[in-house]
Each structure stands twice: as C-alpha cells, then as structure tokens.
Amino acid sequence: MNQIKVIAFDADDTLWVNEPYFRETEDKFCDMMEDYLPYHSVARELLQTEINNLTLYGYGIKSMTLSMIEAALQMSDKTIRPEAIERIIQIGKEMLDKPIELLDGVEEVLQALQGKYRLVMATKGDLLDQERKLNKSGLAGYFHHIEIVSEKKEPNYEKLIQHLDIPPQEFLMIGNSLKSDIMPVLNLGGHAFHVPYHTTWAYEKVDSKIDHPQFRQLTNISEALKYLS
C-alpha cells in the first residue's frame, strides 16, 4: 500500500446509485412488452440487443433507450404502435432526470484521502450523461483528473496510467465491477479494491474468484481507509 500515489474511483454504483434506475426502466419495458412475449423472454431479448449494440452505442441511458426501441420492433415484428415507442423514449428521458444519490461513506472517504493522494474519477459511459451526474453529485472538486471512456479494458487503463505519469504499481482502482474495475488493473500490475454493489448488470458479472497480493475485497467503501490512512 505504501507504493500508491494515485487512487481512481469508478463512478456508477461506486460513488452514486445507478444500476437500480436501469433495472427499474427494464421492468417498465418488460411490462410493456408482455403482450408479445413473457417477461423473462423480453428481458433476455433486451439484454442480447444491448450487448450487440455496445460496439455501436457504448454504455449508458441513450444506448439502452435505442436498444429498447430496436428490441420492441423486433419482438413485435414491427407492429408496435407509435405511442409505445413514444413511451419508451419517455422512460429513457425519465432516467436522465433521476437525482444523484451518493452511496454511504463516499464523501467521507474522499475527504480523508484528498491531499494524501491524487484522486481520479475513472468511469465509462456516455460523456454528456456522466458529466451531468458528476456536476450534480457535488464531488468534482475532489478529483485531480476526470477520465470518461467508452470502455474499461487494459488498453484504457494503460493509457490513463501513462497520462498520470506513474508506474502501474503506484495506481489503485476502487470499483464495484470485477470485470471492468478490478481484473484489467491487476493484469497491468496495479492495485484494486472491490466494493460490491447489490445490483449488477448481467453483462458485468463474472464468476472468477481473485487471489492476488494487490487485491482487497471490501464490504463498503469506508473500509478503504483501513488500508490507506
């Protein structure tokens, strides 16, 4: 831990609530489409459409909204009424208006670490939406650098670490996704703290158990201070 100079935080479901809003919207969509397919089939088709569209649209609310429209057209064989498409667009816009709810302990941790380390926010998703959430959160002042990327894989982290002008062993990533926040950083030689969140998008789930000297499993973000203070 004495090597660490920079601490990067994931944003969605690490700093603030995010995934429950997506699941709430998915529930509304599945209810809408039950005239065409059973609920679980609608959910499966939507997930597959979202995954297929990741390389085109990336992550975020706008991507999900476009995928819902596409899935609705496919499942209805293009017979779905315009009013239903209008409703899908509306529930997408409702997500963009959701309040920003900080997770317990987040601001206290940032306050405790500010000045001792360079703090970075490193998240993926739609640039405009992530900037909106950061501005609404009131947390922007804690961060030395903001990194919003379309994907969080090893090359993305490698580029970030090079930009920060540090070796990987001086970099720590804190996040809720083993797939996006933890494994790529460990593979590069960095440190990683996993803070699980009770709701995780199916695409982000992995079954791997991590046994690595530079990995820590936390139950909440406040536990990070036990290793860093």
Protein backbone atom coordinates (compact mmCIF):
# COMPACT_ATOMS: atom_id res chain seq x y z
CA MET A 1 0.00 0.00 0.00
CA ASN A 2 2.95 2.36 0.58
CA GLN A 3 3.60 2.42 -3.17
CA ILE A 4 0.25 4.00 -4.08
CA LYS A 5 0.31 7.59 -5.33
CA VAL A 6 -2.94 7.77 -7.35
CA ILE A 7 -6.38 6.41 -6.41
CA ALA A 8 -9.02 6.11 -9.12
CA PHE A 9 -12.69 5.65 -8.34
CA ASP A 10 -15.33 4.17 -10.58
CA ALA A 11 -18.47 6.33 -10.59
CA ASP A 12 -21.69 4.38 -11.22
CA ASP A 13 -22.60 2.19 -8.21
CA THR A 14 -19.29 3.06 -6.54
CA LEU A 15 -19.78 6.78 -5.88
CA TRP A 16 -23.51 7.04 -6.56
CA VAL A 17 -26.60 4.93 -7.28
CA ASN A 18 -27.01 3.91 -10.91
CA GLU A 19 -27.93 0.30 -11.71
CA PRO A 20 -31.28 0.29 -9.82
CA TYR A 21 -32.52 3.01 -12.20
CA PHE A 22 -31.67 0.80 -15.18
CA ARG A 23 -33.42 -2.20 -13.61
CA GLU A 24 -36.49 -0.06 -12.87
CA THR A 25 -36.59 1.02 -16.52
CA GLU A 26 -36.09 -2.55 -17.70
CA ASP A 27 -39.06 -3.62 -15.55
CA LYS A 28 -41.24 -0.96 -17.17
CA PHE A 29 -40.16 -2.09 -20.64
CA CYS A 30 -40.76 -5.78 -19.89
CA ASP A 31 -44.23 -4.98 -18.56
CA MET A 32 -44.98 -3.03 -21.76
CA MET A 33 -43.92 -5.91 -23.99
CA GLU A 34 -45.74 -8.77 -22.24
CA ASP A 35 -48.41 -8.71 -24.95
CA TYR A 36 -45.72 -10.13 -27.25
CA LEU A 37 -43.51 -12.33 -25.04
CA PRO A 38 -43.30 -13.47 -21.41
CA TYR A 39 -41.47 -11.12 -19.05
CA HIS A 40 -38.29 -13.24 -18.78
CA SER A 41 -38.10 -13.61 -22.58
CA VAL A 42 -38.41 -9.85 -23.04
CA ALA A 43 -35.60 -9.29 -20.53
CA ARG A 44 -33.39 -11.82 -22.30
CA GLU A 45 -34.03 -10.29 -25.74
CA LEU A 46 -33.33 -6.79 -24.44
CA LEU A 47 -30.04 -7.86 -22.85
CA GLN A 48 -28.91 -9.51 -26.07
CA THR A 49 -29.83 -6.41 -28.08
CA GLU A 50 -27.89 -4.20 -25.66
CA ILE A 51 -24.82 -6.43 -25.86
CA ASN A 52 -25.00 -6.50 -29.68
CA ASN A 53 -25.15 -2.71 -29.73
CA LEU A 54 -22.27 -2.00 -27.34
CA THR A 55 -19.73 -1.52 -30.13
CA LEU A 56 -22.08 0.97 -31.86
CA TYR A 57 -23.65 2.88 -28.97
CA GLY A 58 -21.43 2.17 -25.97
CA TYR A 59 -22.88 2.24 -22.45
CA GLY A 60 -25.48 4.44 -20.81
CA ILE A 61 -29.06 5.61 -20.88
CA LYS A 62 -29.15 6.67 -24.53
CA SER A 63 -27.73 3.32 -25.59
CA MET A 64 -30.34 1.48 -23.53
CA THR A 65 -33.16 3.61 -24.96
CA LEU A 66 -32.13 2.87 -28.54
CA SER A 67 -31.81 -0.82 -27.69
CA MET A 68 -35.30 -0.86 -26.15
CA ILE A 69 -36.76 0.65 -29.32
CA GLU A 70 -34.91 -1.87 -31.51
CA ALA A 71 -35.94 -4.80 -29.30
CA ALA A 72 -39.56 -3.64 -29.28
CA LEU A 73 -39.63 -3.51 -33.08
CA GLN A 74 -38.08 -6.97 -33.34
CA MET A 75 -40.34 -8.60 -30.74
CA SER A 76 -43.49 -7.08 -32.22
CA ASP A 77 -42.45 -7.84 -35.80
CA LYS A 78 -42.63 -4.06 -36.38
CA THR A 79 -46.30 -3.89 -35.37
CA ILE A 80 -45.78 -1.97 -32.13
CA ARG A 81 -47.78 1.26 -32.03
CA PRO A 82 -46.05 4.67 -32.24
CA GLU A 83 -47.48 5.52 -28.81
CA ALA A 84 -45.45 2.66 -27.33
CA ILE A 85 -42.26 3.91 -28.98
CA GLU A 86 -43.05 7.34 -27.59
CA ARG A 87 -43.41 5.78 -24.12
CA ILE A 88 -40.01 4.06 -24.43
CA ILE A 89 -38.40 7.40 -25.29
CA GLN A 90 -40.16 8.97 -22.31
CA ILE A 91 -38.91 6.40 -19.79
CA GLY A 92 -35.42 6.92 -21.18
CA LYS A 93 -35.71 10.67 -20.58
CA GLU A 94 -37.03 10.00 -17.07
CA MET A 95 -33.77 8.19 -16.30
CA LEU A 96 -31.81 11.28 -17.33
CA ASP A 97 -33.74 13.29 -14.75
CA LYS A 98 -33.08 10.93 -11.84
CA PRO A 99 -31.49 12.53 -8.76
CA ILE A 100 -27.89 11.73 -7.86
CA GLU A 101 -27.81 9.72 -4.64
CA LEU A 102 -24.33 9.33 -3.15
CA LEU A 103 -23.56 5.97 -1.61
CA ASP A 104 -22.84 5.75 2.12
CA GLY A 105 -19.35 6.81 3.12
CA VAL A 106 -18.29 8.18 -0.26
CA GLU A 107 -17.77 11.81 0.63
CA GLU A 108 -16.11 10.96 3.95
CA VAL A 109 -13.60 8.71 2.13
CA LEU A 110 -12.83 11.37 -0.48
CA GLN A 111 -12.34 13.98 2.25
CA ALA A 112 -9.97 11.70 4.16
CA LEU A 113 -7.87 10.86 1.09
CA GLN A 114 -7.76 14.27 -0.59
CA GLY A 115 -4.34 15.82 -0.19
CA LYS A 116 -2.69 12.49 0.64
CA TYR A 117 -3.14 11.02 -2.85
CA ARG A 118 -4.01 12.24 -6.31
CA LEU A 119 -7.67 11.28 -6.74
CA VAL A 120 -9.12 10.39 -10.13
CA MET A 121 -12.61 9.53 -11.31
CA ALA A 122 -12.39 6.83 -13.98
CA THR A 123 -15.70 5.73 -15.44
CA LYS A 124 -17.21 4.55 -18.69
CA GLY A 125 -20.41 5.60 -20.41
CA ASP A 126 -21.96 8.50 -22.26
CA LEU A 127 -19.80 11.62 -21.88
CA LEU A 128 -22.66 14.10 -21.53
CA ASP A 129 -24.56 11.97 -19.03
CA GLN A 130 -21.53 11.19 -16.88
CA GLU A 131 -20.59 14.87 -16.81
CA ARG A 132 -24.17 15.66 -15.76
CA LYS A 133 -24.04 13.17 -12.91
CA LEU A 134 -20.63 14.38 -11.73
CA ASN A 135 -21.80 18.00 -11.70
CA LYS A 136 -24.97 17.10 -9.81
CA SER A 137 -23.05 14.97 -7.32
CA GLY A 138 -21.01 17.84 -5.88
CA LEU A 139 -17.89 15.64 -5.93
CA ALA A 140 -15.98 17.17 -8.83
CA GLY A 141 -13.74 19.27 -6.55
CA TYR A 142 -12.16 16.18 -5.01
CA PHE A 143 -10.65 14.92 -8.25
CA HIS A 144 -7.31 15.81 -9.80
CA HIS A 145 -8.40 14.25 -13.11
CA ILE A 146 -11.64 13.01 -14.70
CA GLU A 147 -11.48 10.13 -17.17
CA ILE A 148 -14.68 9.16 -19.04
CA VAL A 149 -14.10 6.39 -21.55
CA SER A 150 -16.22 4.26 -23.86
CA GLU A 151 -14.76 1.05 -22.41
CA LYS A 152 -12.66 0.00 -19.41
CA LYS A 153 -10.19 -2.61 -20.59
CA GLU A 154 -6.44 -2.96 -20.17
CA PRO A 155 -5.51 -0.56 -23.01
CA ASN A 156 -7.77 2.13 -21.50
CA TYR A 157 -6.15 1.80 -18.08
CA GLU A 158 -2.69 1.63 -19.62
CA LYS A 159 -3.34 4.93 -21.40
CA LEU A 160 -4.67 6.51 -18.19
CA ILE A 161 -1.67 5.37 -16.14
CA GLN A 162 0.71 6.72 -18.79
CA HIS A 163 -1.17 10.03 -18.77
CA LEU A 164 -0.77 10.20 -14.97
CA ASP A 165 2.97 9.58 -15.46
CA ILE A 166 3.25 6.81 -12.87
CA PRO A 167 4.17 3.11 -12.97
CA PRO A 168 1.21 0.71 -12.57
CA GLN A 169 2.22 -0.28 -9.03
CA GLU A 170 1.52 3.29 -7.87
CA PHE A 171 -2.07 3.12 -9.18
CA LEU A 172 -5.09 1.89 -7.19
CA MET A 173 -8.56 1.39 -8.69
CA ILE A 174 -11.66 1.22 -6.47
CA GLY A 175 -14.87 -0.02 -8.06
CA ASN A 176 -17.86 -2.35 -7.98
CA SER A 177 -17.21 -4.36 -11.16
CA LEU A 178 -14.69 -7.19 -11.14
CA LYS A 179 -14.81 -7.25 -14.93
CA SER A 180 -14.31 -3.54 -15.60
CA ASP A 181 -12.66 -2.10 -12.49
CA ILE A 182 -10.56 -4.85 -10.96
CA MET A 183 -9.21 -7.50 -13.31
CA PRO A 184 -7.75 -5.18 -16.01
CA VAL A 185 -5.85 -3.14 -13.39
CA LEU A 186 -4.43 -6.21 -11.64
CA ASN A 187 -3.33 -7.59 -15.02
CA LEU A 188 -1.33 -4.41 -15.59
CA GLY A 189 0.39 -4.62 -12.20
CA GLY A 190 -1.76 -2.10 -10.32
CA HIS A 191 -3.73 -2.39 -7.10
CA ALA A 192 -7.51 -2.85 -6.90
CA PHE A 193 -10.19 -2.70 -4.21
CA HIS A 194 -13.54 -4.31 -4.99
CA VAL A 195 -16.60 -2.73 -3.36
CA PRO A 196 -19.59 -4.89 -4.41
CA TYR A 197 -22.97 -3.34 -5.09
CA HIS A 198 -26.20 -5.25 -4.50
CA THR A 199 -27.33 -4.85 -8.13
CA THR A 200 -25.04 -5.64 -11.07
CA TRP A 201 -25.85 -5.64 -14.77
CA ALA A 202 -25.74 -9.21 -16.11
CA TYR A 203 -23.09 -8.27 -18.69
CA GLU A 204 -20.70 -7.15 -15.91
CA LYS A 205 -20.98 -10.34 -13.83
CA VAL A 206 -18.05 -12.75 -13.67
CA ASP A 207 -17.65 -15.93 -11.66
CA SER A 208 -13.93 -15.55 -11.07
CA LYS A 209 -12.57 -15.51 -7.54
CA ILE A 210 -9.50 -13.33 -7.28
CA ASP A 211 -6.42 -14.35 -5.33
CA HIS A 212 -3.86 -11.62 -5.87
CA PRO A 213 -1.49 -9.85 -3.47
CA GLN A 214 -2.55 -6.41 -4.75
CA PHE A 215 -6.29 -7.07 -4.45
CA ARG A 216 -8.56 -6.30 -1.49
CA GLN A 217 -12.20 -7.30 -1.11
CA LEU A 218 -14.19 -4.70 0.82
CA THR A 219 -17.74 -4.77 2.13
CA ASN A 220 -18.16 -0.99 1.83
CA ILE A 221 -16.11 1.92 0.56
CA SER A 222 -15.29 3.17 4.06
CA GLU A 223 -13.13 0.08 4.60
CA ALA A 224 -10.65 1.51 2.10
CA LEU A 225 -9.40 3.86 4.81
CA LYS A 226 -8.25 0.88 6.86
CA TYR A 227 -5.63 0.20 4.18
CA LEU A 228 -4.88 3.75 3.07
CA SER A 229 -4.91 6.03 6.13
